[in-house]
Amino acid sequence: MEQAILSLPQMVSEKQAARILAVSIAALRRWRREGRGPQFTRLERCVRYDVRALEHFVAKHSSADERAAESRAAAKPEQGG
């Protein structure tokens, strides 16, 4: 019988996440309050960020993604009315 292997995410502290994203801790806290920052986990009073969630957040908010979305929107034909 094969055992399932539990794969836990690599979690970092709020301070480490701020350093990774090159933002202040205050910015991370504001984003959490506003519901617009990277996904986080609260363990009791400790806030932790999964490194994969930080990578996803950066990818989602990168300028390359924004330019691609803008060019897709520009390529759509306008609907006449």
PDB file of N, CA and C in Angstrom:
ATOM      1  N   MET A   1       0.829  -1.186   0.000  1.00  0.00           N
ATOM      2  CA  MET A   1       0.000   0.000   0.000  1.00  0.00           C
ATOM      3  C   MET A   1       0.878   1.255   0.000  1.00  0.00           C
ATOM      4  N   GLU A   2       0.560   2.181  -0.868  1.00  0.00           N
ATOM      5  CA  GLU A   2       1.367   3.389  -1.005  1.00  0.00           C
ATOM      6  C   GLU A   2       0.890   4.458  -0.033  1.00  0.00           C
ATOM      7  N   GLN A   3       1.828   5.097   0.649  1.00  0.00           N
ATOM      8  CA  GLN A   3       1.477   6.153   1.591  1.00  0.00           C
ATOM      9  C   GLN A   3       1.415   7.486   0.862  1.00  0.00           C
ATOM     10  N   ALA A   4       0.438   8.291   1.234  1.00  0.00           N
ATOM     11  CA  ALA A   4       0.336   9.640   0.682  1.00  0.00           C
ATOM     12  C   ALA A   4       1.407  10.514   1.330  1.00  0.00           C
ATOM     13  N   ILE A   5       2.065  11.288   0.518  1.00  0.00           N
ATOM     14  CA  ILE A   5       3.104  12.190   1.018  1.00  0.00           C
ATOM     15  C   ILE A   5       2.493  13.573   1.189  1.00  0.00           C
ATOM     16  N   LEU A   6       2.579  14.082   2.384  1.00  0.00           N
ATOM     17  CA  LEU A   6       2.055  15.404   2.692  1.00  0.00           C
ATOM     18  C   LEU A   6       3.068  16.449   2.252  1.00  0.00           C
ATOM     19  N   SER A   7       2.632  17.334   1.397  1.00  0.00           N
ATOM     20  CA  SER A   7       3.512  18.388   0.907  1.00  0.00           C
ATOM     21  C   SER A   7       3.050  19.721   1.474  1.00  0.00           C
ATOM     22  N   LEU A   8       3.758  20.197   2.471  1.00  0.00           N
ATOM     23  CA  LEU A   8       3.408  21.476   3.082  1.00  0.00           C
ATOM     24  C   LEU A   8       4.045  22.615   2.293  1.00  0.00           C
ATOM     25  N   PRO A   9       3.335  23.732   2.214  1.00  0.00           N
ATOM     26  CA  PRO A   9       3.901  24.878   1.502  1.00  0.00           C
ATOM     27  C   PRO A   9       5.054  25.492   2.287  1.00  0.00           C
ATOM     28  N   GLN A  10       5.938  26.151   1.567  1.00  0.00           N
ATOM     29  CA  GLN A  10       7.021  26.873   2.231  1.00  0.00           C
ATOM     30  C   GLN A  10       6.450  28.210   2.668  1.00  0.00           C
ATOM     31  N   MET A  11       6.352  28.388   3.965  1.00  0.00           N
ATOM     32  CA  MET A  11       5.743  29.596   4.513  1.00  0.00           C
ATOM     33  C   MET A  11       6.825  30.577   4.971  1.00  0.00           C
ATOM     34  N   VAL A  12       6.566  31.868   4.758  1.00  0.00           N
ATOM     35  CA  VAL A  12       7.487  32.902   5.209  1.00  0.00           C
ATOM     36  C   VAL A  12       6.716  33.902   6.064  1.00  0.00           C
ATOM     37  N   SER A  13       7.441  34.600   6.891  1.00  0.00           N
ATOM     38  CA  SER A  13       6.836  35.597   7.771  1.00  0.00           C
ATOM     39  C   SER A  13       6.430  36.837   6.978  1.00  0.00           C
ATOM     40  N   GLU A  14       5.701  37.690   7.654  1.00  0.00           N
ATOM     41  CA  GLU A  14       5.282  38.963   7.066  1.00  0.00           C
ATOM     42  C   GLU A  14       6.506  39.795   6.662  1.00  0.00           C
ATOM     43  N   LYS A  15       7.509  39.816   7.518  1.00  0.00           N
ATOM     44  CA  LYS A  15       8.728  40.572   7.240  1.00  0.00           C
ATOM     45  C   LYS A  15       9.451  40.013   6.011  1.00  0.00           C
ATOM     46  N   GLN A  16       9.544  38.681   5.925  1.00  0.00           N
ATOM     47  CA  GLN A  16      10.201  38.053   4.780  1.00  0.00           C
ATOM     48  C   GLN A  16       9.407  38.298   3.495  1.00  0.00           C
ATOM     49  N   ALA A  17       8.077  38.210   3.586  1.00  0.00           N
ATOM     50  CA  ALA A  17       7.236  38.454   2.411  1.00  0.00           C
ATOM     51  C   ALA A  17       7.408  39.885   1.917  1.00  0.00           C
ATOM     52  N   ALA A  18       7.451  40.835   2.838  1.00  0.00           N
ATOM     53  CA  ALA A  18       7.650  42.233   2.451  1.00  0.00           C
ATOM     54  C   ALA A  18       8.988  42.401   1.740  1.00  0.00           C
ATOM     55  N   ARG A  19      10.022  41.739   2.247  1.00  0.00           N
ATOM     56  CA  ARG A  19      11.347  41.811   1.626  1.00  0.00           C
ATOM     57  C   ARG A  19      11.309  41.190   0.228  1.00  0.00           C
ATOM     58  N   ILE A  20      10.650  40.040   0.079  1.00  0.00           N
ATOM     59  CA  ILE A  20      10.561  39.370  -1.212  1.00  0.00           C
ATOM     60  C   ILE A  20       9.861  40.259  -2.236  1.00  0.00           C
ATOM     61  N   LEU A  21       8.778  40.923  -1.807  1.00  0.00           N
ATOM     62  CA  LEU A  21       7.998  41.772  -2.719  1.00  0.00           C
ATOM     63  C   LEU A  21       8.557  43.188  -2.845  1.00  0.00           C
ATOM     64  N   ALA A  22       9.560  43.501  -2.041  1.00  0.00           N
ATOM     65  CA  ALA A  22      10.177  44.836  -2.023  1.00  0.00           C
ATOM     66  C   ALA A  22       9.144  45.915  -1.691  1.00  0.00           C
ATOM     67  N   VAL A  23       8.331  45.623  -0.672  1.00  0.00           N
ATOM     68  CA  VAL A  23       7.355  46.593  -0.166  1.00  0.00           C
ATOM     69  C   VAL A  23       7.497  46.653   1.352  1.00  0.00           C
ATOM     70  N   SER A  24       6.847  47.624   1.957  1.00  0.00           N
ATOM     71  CA  SER A  24       6.903  47.728   3.412  1.00  0.00           C
ATOM     72  C   SER A  24       5.905  46.763   4.056  1.00  0.00           C
ATOM     73  N   ILE A  25       6.144  46.466   5.316  1.00  0.00           N
ATOM     74  CA  ILE A  25       5.206  45.640   6.068  1.00  0.00           C
ATOM     75  C   ILE A  25       3.865  46.357   6.154  1.00  0.00           C
ATOM     76  N   ALA A  26       3.901  47.670   6.275  1.00  0.00           N
ATOM     77  CA  ALA A  26       2.664  48.449   6.333  1.00  0.00           C
ATOM     78  C   ALA A  26       1.843  48.271   5.048  1.00  0.00           C
ATOM     79  N   ALA A  27       2.513  48.189   3.915  1.00  0.00           N
ATOM     80  CA  ALA A  27       1.801  47.968   2.643  1.00  0.00           C
ATOM     81  C   ALA A  27       1.121  46.606   2.648  1.00  0.00           C
ATOM     82  N   LEU A  28       1.817  45.570   3.108  1.00  0.00           N
ATOM     83  CA  LEU A  28       1.209  44.230   3.194  1.00  0.00           C
ATOM     84  C   LEU A  28      -0.012  44.250   4.107  1.00  0.00           C
ATOM     85  N   ARG A  29       0.106  44.915   5.233  1.00  0.00           N
ATOM     86  CA  ARG A  29      -1.023  44.986   6.176  1.00  0.00           C
ATOM     87  C   ARG A  29      -2.201  45.732   5.566  1.00  0.00           C
ATOM     88  N   ARG A  30      -1.926  46.812   4.868  1.00  0.00           N
ATOM     89  CA  ARG A  30      -2.996  47.577   4.204  1.00  0.00           C
ATOM     90  C   ARG A  30      -3.657  46.724   3.133  1.00  0.00           C
ATOM     91  N   TRP A  31      -2.870  46.015   2.338  1.00  0.00           N
ATOM     92  CA  TRP A  31      -3.427  45.137   1.302  1.00  0.00           C
ATOM     93  C   TRP A  31      -4.314  44.061   1.915  1.00  0.00           C
ATOM     94  N   ARG A  32      -3.897  43.503   3.066  1.00  0.00           N
ATOM     95  CA  ARG A  32      -4.723  42.479   3.729  1.00  0.00           C
ATOM     96  C   ARG A  32      -6.053  43.068   4.152  1.00  0.00           C
ATOM     97  N   ARG A  33      -6.020  44.251   4.755  1.00  0.00           N
ATOM     98  CA  ARG A  33      -7.268  44.901   5.187  1.00  0.00           C
ATOM     99  C   ARG A  33      -8.187  45.158   4.006  1.00  0.00           C
ATOM    100  N   GLU A  34      -7.609  45.574   2.882  1.00  0.00           N
ATOM    101  CA  GLU A  34      -8.387  45.914   1.685  1.00  0.00           C
ATOM    102  C   GLU A  34      -8.735  44.688   0.852  1.00  0.00           C
ATOM    103  N   GLY A  35      -8.186  43.517   1.222  1.00  0.00           N
ATOM    104  CA  GLY A  35      -8.472  42.285   0.499  1.00  0.00           C
ATOM    105  C   GLY A  35      -7.872  42.231  -0.893  1.00  0.00           C
ATOM    106  N   ARG A  36      -6.732  42.896  -1.086  1.00  0.00           N
ATOM    107  CA  ARG A  36      -6.159  42.934  -2.435  1.00  0.00           C
ATOM    108  C   ARG A  36      -4.705  42.478  -2.522  1.00  0.00           C
ATOM    109  N   GLY A  37      -4.168  41.970  -1.459  1.00  0.00           N
ATOM    110  CA  GLY A  37      -2.777  41.524  -1.471  1.00  0.00           C
ATOM    111  C   GLY A  37      -2.649  40.046  -1.787  1.00  0.00           C
ATOM    112  N   PRO A  38      -1.457  39.511  -1.619  1.00  0.00           N
ATOM    113  CA  PRO A  38      -1.268  38.079  -1.852  1.00  0.00           C
ATOM    114  C   PRO A  38      -2.017  37.265  -0.802  1.00  0.00           C
ATOM    115  N   GLN A  39      -2.356  36.044  -1.171  1.00  0.00           N
ATOM    116  CA  GLN A  39      -3.054  35.146  -0.254  1.00  0.00           C
ATOM    117  C   GLN A  39      -2.168  34.883   0.954  1.00  0.00           C
ATOM    118  N   PHE A  40      -2.767  34.845   2.135  1.00  0.00           N
ATOM    119  CA  PHE A  40      -2.002  34.630   3.365  1.00  0.00           C
ATOM    120  C   PHE A  40      -2.730  33.642   4.263  1.00  0.00           C
ATOM    121  N   THR A  41      -2.019  33.174   5.270  1.00  0.00           N
ATOM    122  CA  THR A  41      -2.577  32.271   6.263  1.00  0.00           C
ATOM    123  C   THR A  41      -2.339  32.877   7.632  1.00  0.00           C
ATOM    124  N   ARG A  42      -3.363  32.819   8.452  1.00  0.00           N
ATOM    125  CA  ARG A  42      -3.199  33.316   9.826  1.00  0.00           C
ATOM    126  C   ARG A  42      -3.184  32.104  10.755  1.00  0.00           C
ATOM    127  N   LEU A  43      -2.082  31.918  11.462  1.00  0.00           N
ATOM    128  CA  LEU A  43      -1.932  30.853  12.453  1.00  0.00           C
ATOM    129  C   LEU A  43      -1.935  31.524  13.818  1.00  0.00           C
ATOM    130  N   GLU A  44      -3.104  31.467  14.481  1.00  0.00           N
ATOM    131  CA  GLU A  44      -3.296  32.227  15.716  1.00  0.00           C
ATOM    132  C   GLU A  44      -3.087  33.712  15.376  1.00  0.00           C
ATOM    133  N   ARG A  45      -2.073  34.332  15.960  1.00  0.00           N
ATOM    134  CA  ARG A  45      -1.824  35.745  15.661  1.00  0.00           C
ATOM    135  C   ARG A  45      -0.706  35.947  14.644  1.00  0.00           C
ATOM    136  N   CYS A  46      -0.148  34.863  14.139  1.00  0.00           N
ATOM    137  CA  CYS A  46       0.956  34.941  13.181  1.00  0.00           C
ATOM    138  C   CYS A  46       0.425  34.905  11.752  1.00  0.00           C
ATOM    139  N   VAL A  47       0.865  35.840  10.950  1.00  0.00           N
ATOM    140  CA  VAL A  47       0.508  35.874   9.534  1.00  0.00           C
ATOM    141  C   VAL A  47       1.661  35.262   8.755  1.00  0.00           C
ATOM    142  N   ARG A  48       1.336  34.331   7.875  1.00  0.00           N
ATOM    143  CA  ARG A  48       2.348  33.672   7.049  1.00  0.00           C
ATOM    144  C   ARG A  48       1.911  33.689   5.603  1.00  0.00           C
ATOM    145  N   TYR A  49       2.899  33.759   4.716  1.00  0.00           N
ATOM    146  CA  TYR A  49       2.650  33.764   3.276  1.00  0.00           C
ATOM    147  C   TYR A  49       3.314  32.548   2.655  1.00  0.00           C
ATOM    148  N   ASP A  50       2.593  31.874   1.791  1.00  0.00           N
ATOM    149  CA  ASP A  50       3.139  30.758   1.022  1.00  0.00           C
ATOM    150  C   ASP A  50       3.971  31.383  -0.106  1.00  0.00           C
ATOM    151  N   VAL A  51       5.186  30.900  -0.286  1.00  0.00           N
ATOM    152  CA  VAL A  51       6.066  31.447  -1.323  1.00  0.00           C
ATOM    153  C   VAL A  51       5.398  31.344  -2.699  1.00  0.00           C
ATOM    154  N   ARG A  52       4.667  30.254  -2.952  1.00  0.00           N
ATOM    155  CA  ARG A  52       3.974  30.097  -4.243  1.00  0.00           C
ATOM    156  C   ARG A  52       2.900  31.165  -4.419  1.00  0.00           C
ATOM    157  N   ALA A  53       2.230  31.553  -3.326  1.00  0.00           N
ATOM    158  CA  ALA A  53       1.216  32.615  -3.404  1.00  0.00           C
ATOM    159  C   ALA A  53       1.867  33.955  -3.741  1.00  0.00           C
ATOM    160  N   LEU A  54       3.059  34.184  -3.201  1.00  0.00           N
ATOM    161  CA  LEU A  54       3.779  35.421  -3.526  1.00  0.00           C
ATOM    162  C   LEU A  54       4.178  35.431  -5.000  1.00  0.00           C
ATOM    163  N   GLU A  55       4.661  34.284  -5.489  1.00  0.00           N
ATOM    164  CA  GLU A  55       5.029  34.188  -6.908  1.00  0.00           C
ATOM    165  C   GLU A  55       3.813  34.428  -7.799  1.00  0.00           C
ATOM    166  N   HIS A  56       2.678  33.847  -7.427  1.00  0.00           N
ATOM    167  CA  HIS A  56       1.446  34.021  -8.201  1.00  0.00           C
ATOM    168  C   HIS A  56       1.016  35.492  -8.197  1.00  0.00           C
ATOM    169  N   PHE A  57       1.111  36.137  -7.044  1.00  0.00           N
ATOM    170  CA  PHE A  57       0.735  37.544  -6.915  1.00  0.00           C
ATOM    171  C   PHE A  57       1.599  38.421  -7.818  1.00  0.00           C
ATOM    172  N   VAL A  58       2.897  38.166  -7.816  1.00  0.00           N
ATOM    173  CA  VAL A  58       3.814  38.941  -8.660  1.00  0.00           C
ATOM    174  C   VAL A  58       3.486  38.707 -10.135  1.00  0.00           C
ATOM    175  N   ALA A  59       3.269  37.453 -10.508  1.00  0.00           N
ATOM    176  CA  ALA A  59       2.955  37.140 -11.906  1.00  0.00           C
ATOM    177  C   ALA A  59       1.651  37.799 -12.337  1.00  0.00           C
ATOM    178  N   LYS A  60       0.671  37.769 -11.460  1.00  0.00           N
ATOM    179  CA  LYS A  60      -0.645  38.339 -11.780  1.00  0.00           C
ATOM    180  C   LYS A  60      -0.588  39.859 -11.941  1.00  0.00           C
ATOM    181  N   HIS A  61       0.305  40.499 -11.205  1.00  0.00           N
ATOM    182  CA  HIS A  61       0.385  41.957 -11.216  1.00  0.00           C
ATOM    183  C   HIS A  61       1.584  42.492 -11.985  1.00  0.00           C
ATOM    184  N   SER A  62       2.221  41.647 -12.778  1.00  0.00           N
ATOM    185  CA  SER A  62       3.384  42.120 -13.529  1.00  0.00           C
ATOM    186  C   SER A  62       2.934  42.955 -14.717  1.00  0.00           C
ATOM    187  N   SER A  63       3.784  43.849 -15.156  1.00  0.00           N
ATOM    188  CA  SER A  63       3.440  44.722 -16.272  1.00  0.00           C
ATOM    189  C   SER A  63       3.278  43.929 -17.562  1.00  0.00           C
ATOM    190  N   ALA A  64       3.951  42.798 -17.693  1.00  0.00           N
ATOM    191  CA  ALA A  64       3.807  41.967 -18.889  1.00  0.00           C
ATOM    192  C   ALA A  64       2.378  41.454 -18.990  1.00  0.00           C
ATOM    193  N   ASP A  65       1.782  41.052 -17.879  1.00  0.00           N
ATOM    194  CA  ASP A  65       0.389  40.602 -17.881  1.00  0.00           C
ATOM    195  C   ASP A  65      -0.550  41.744 -18.234  1.00  0.00           C
ATOM    196  N   GLU A  66      -0.286  42.934 -17.702  1.00  0.00           N
ATOM    197  CA  GLU A  66      -1.138  44.086 -17.987  1.00  0.00           C
ATOM    198  C   GLU A  66      -1.060  44.470 -19.461  1.00  0.00           C
ATOM    199  N   ARG A  67       0.141  44.440 -20.033  1.00  0.00           N
ATOM    200  CA  ARG A  67       0.283  44.770 -21.458  1.00  0.00           C
ATOM    201  C   ARG A  67      -0.425  43.748 -22.322  1.00  0.00           C
ATOM    202  N   ALA A  68      -0.352  42.476 -21.945  1.00  0.00           N
ATOM    203  CA  ALA A  68      -1.036  41.427 -22.713  1.00  0.00           C
ATOM    204  C   ALA A  68      -2.542  41.622 -22.646  1.00  0.00           C
ATOM    205  N   ALA A  69      -3.059  41.969 -21.487  1.00  0.00           N
ATOM    206  CA  ALA A  69      -4.499  42.196 -21.341  1.00  0.00           C
ATOM    207  C   ALA A  69      -4.931  43.412 -22.157  1.00  0.00           C
ATOM    208  N   GLU A  70      -4.103  44.463 -22.138  1.00  0.00           N
ATOM    209  CA  GLU A  70      -4.428  45.664 -22.910  1.00  0.00           C
ATOM    210  C   GLU A  70      -4.430  45.371 -24.405  1.00  0.00           C
ATOM    211  N   SER A  71      -3.470  44.587 -24.887  1.00  0.00           N
ATOM    212  CA  SER A  71      -3.409  44.287 -26.311  1.00  0.00           C
ATOM    213  C   SER A  71      -4.556  43.359 -26.721  1.00  0.00           C
ATOM    214  N   ARG A  72      -4.977  42.456 -25.832  1.00  0.00           N
ATOM    215  CA  ARG A  72      -6.140  41.613 -26.137  1.00  0.00           C
ATOM    216  C   ARG A  72      -7.392  42.471 -26.234  1.00  0.00           C
ATOM    217  N   ALA A  73      -7.524  43.442 -25.311  1.00  0.00           N
ATOM    218  CA  ALA A  73      -8.699  44.311 -25.332  1.00  0.00           C
ATOM    219  C   ALA A  73      -8.699  45.186 -26.590  1.00  0.00           C
ATOM    220  N   ALA A  74      -7.531  45.631 -27.009  1.00  0.00           N
ATOM    221  CA  ALA A  74      -7.436  46.474 -28.199  1.00  0.00           C
ATOM    222  C   ALA A  74      -7.710  45.675 -29.464  1.00  0.00           C
ATOM    223  N   ALA A  75      -7.422  44.383 -29.442  1.00  0.00           N
ATOM    224  CA  ALA A  75      -7.619  43.543 -30.627  1.00  0.00           C
ATOM    225  C   ALA A  75      -9.072  43.141 -30.830  1.00  0.00           C
ATOM    226  N   LYS A  76      -9.898  43.260 -29.779  1.00  0.00           N
ATOM    227  CA  LYS A  76     -11.308  42.898 -29.913  1.00  0.00           C
ATOM    228  C   LYS A  76     -12.020  43.943 -30.770  1.00  0.00           C
ATOM    229  N   PRO A  77     -12.853  43.490 -31.726  1.00  0.00           N
ATOM    230  CA  PRO A  77     -13.609  44.462 -32.518  1.00  0.00           C
ATOM    231  C   PRO A  77     -14.664  45.148 -31.660  1.00  0.00           C
ATOM    232  N   GLU A  78     -14.840  46.427 -31.881  1.00  0.00           N
ATOM    233  CA  GLU A  78     -15.832  47.185 -31.138  1.00  0.00           C
ATOM    234  C   GLU A  78     -17.220  46.803 -31.628  1.00  0.00           C
ATOM    235  N   GLN A  79     -18.150  46.728 -30.671  1.00  0.00           N
ATOM    236  CA  GLN A  79     -19.512  46.396 -31.023  1.00  0.00           C
ATOM    237  C   GLN A  79     -20.279  47.681 -31.311  1.00  0.00           C
ATOM    238  N   GLY A  80     -20.885  47.726 -32.450  1.00  0.00           N
ATOM    239  CA  GLY A  80     -21.653  48.918 -32.825  1.00  0.00           C
ATOM    240  C   GLY A  80     -23.041  48.866 -32.245  1.00  0.00           C
ATOM    241  N   GLY A  81     -23.675  49.987 -32.084  1.00  0.00           N
ATOM    242  CA  GLY A  81     -24.986  49.960 -31.442  1.00  0.00           C
ATOM    243  C   GLY A  81     -25.848  50.919 -32.035  1.00  0.00           C
TER     244      GLY A  81
END
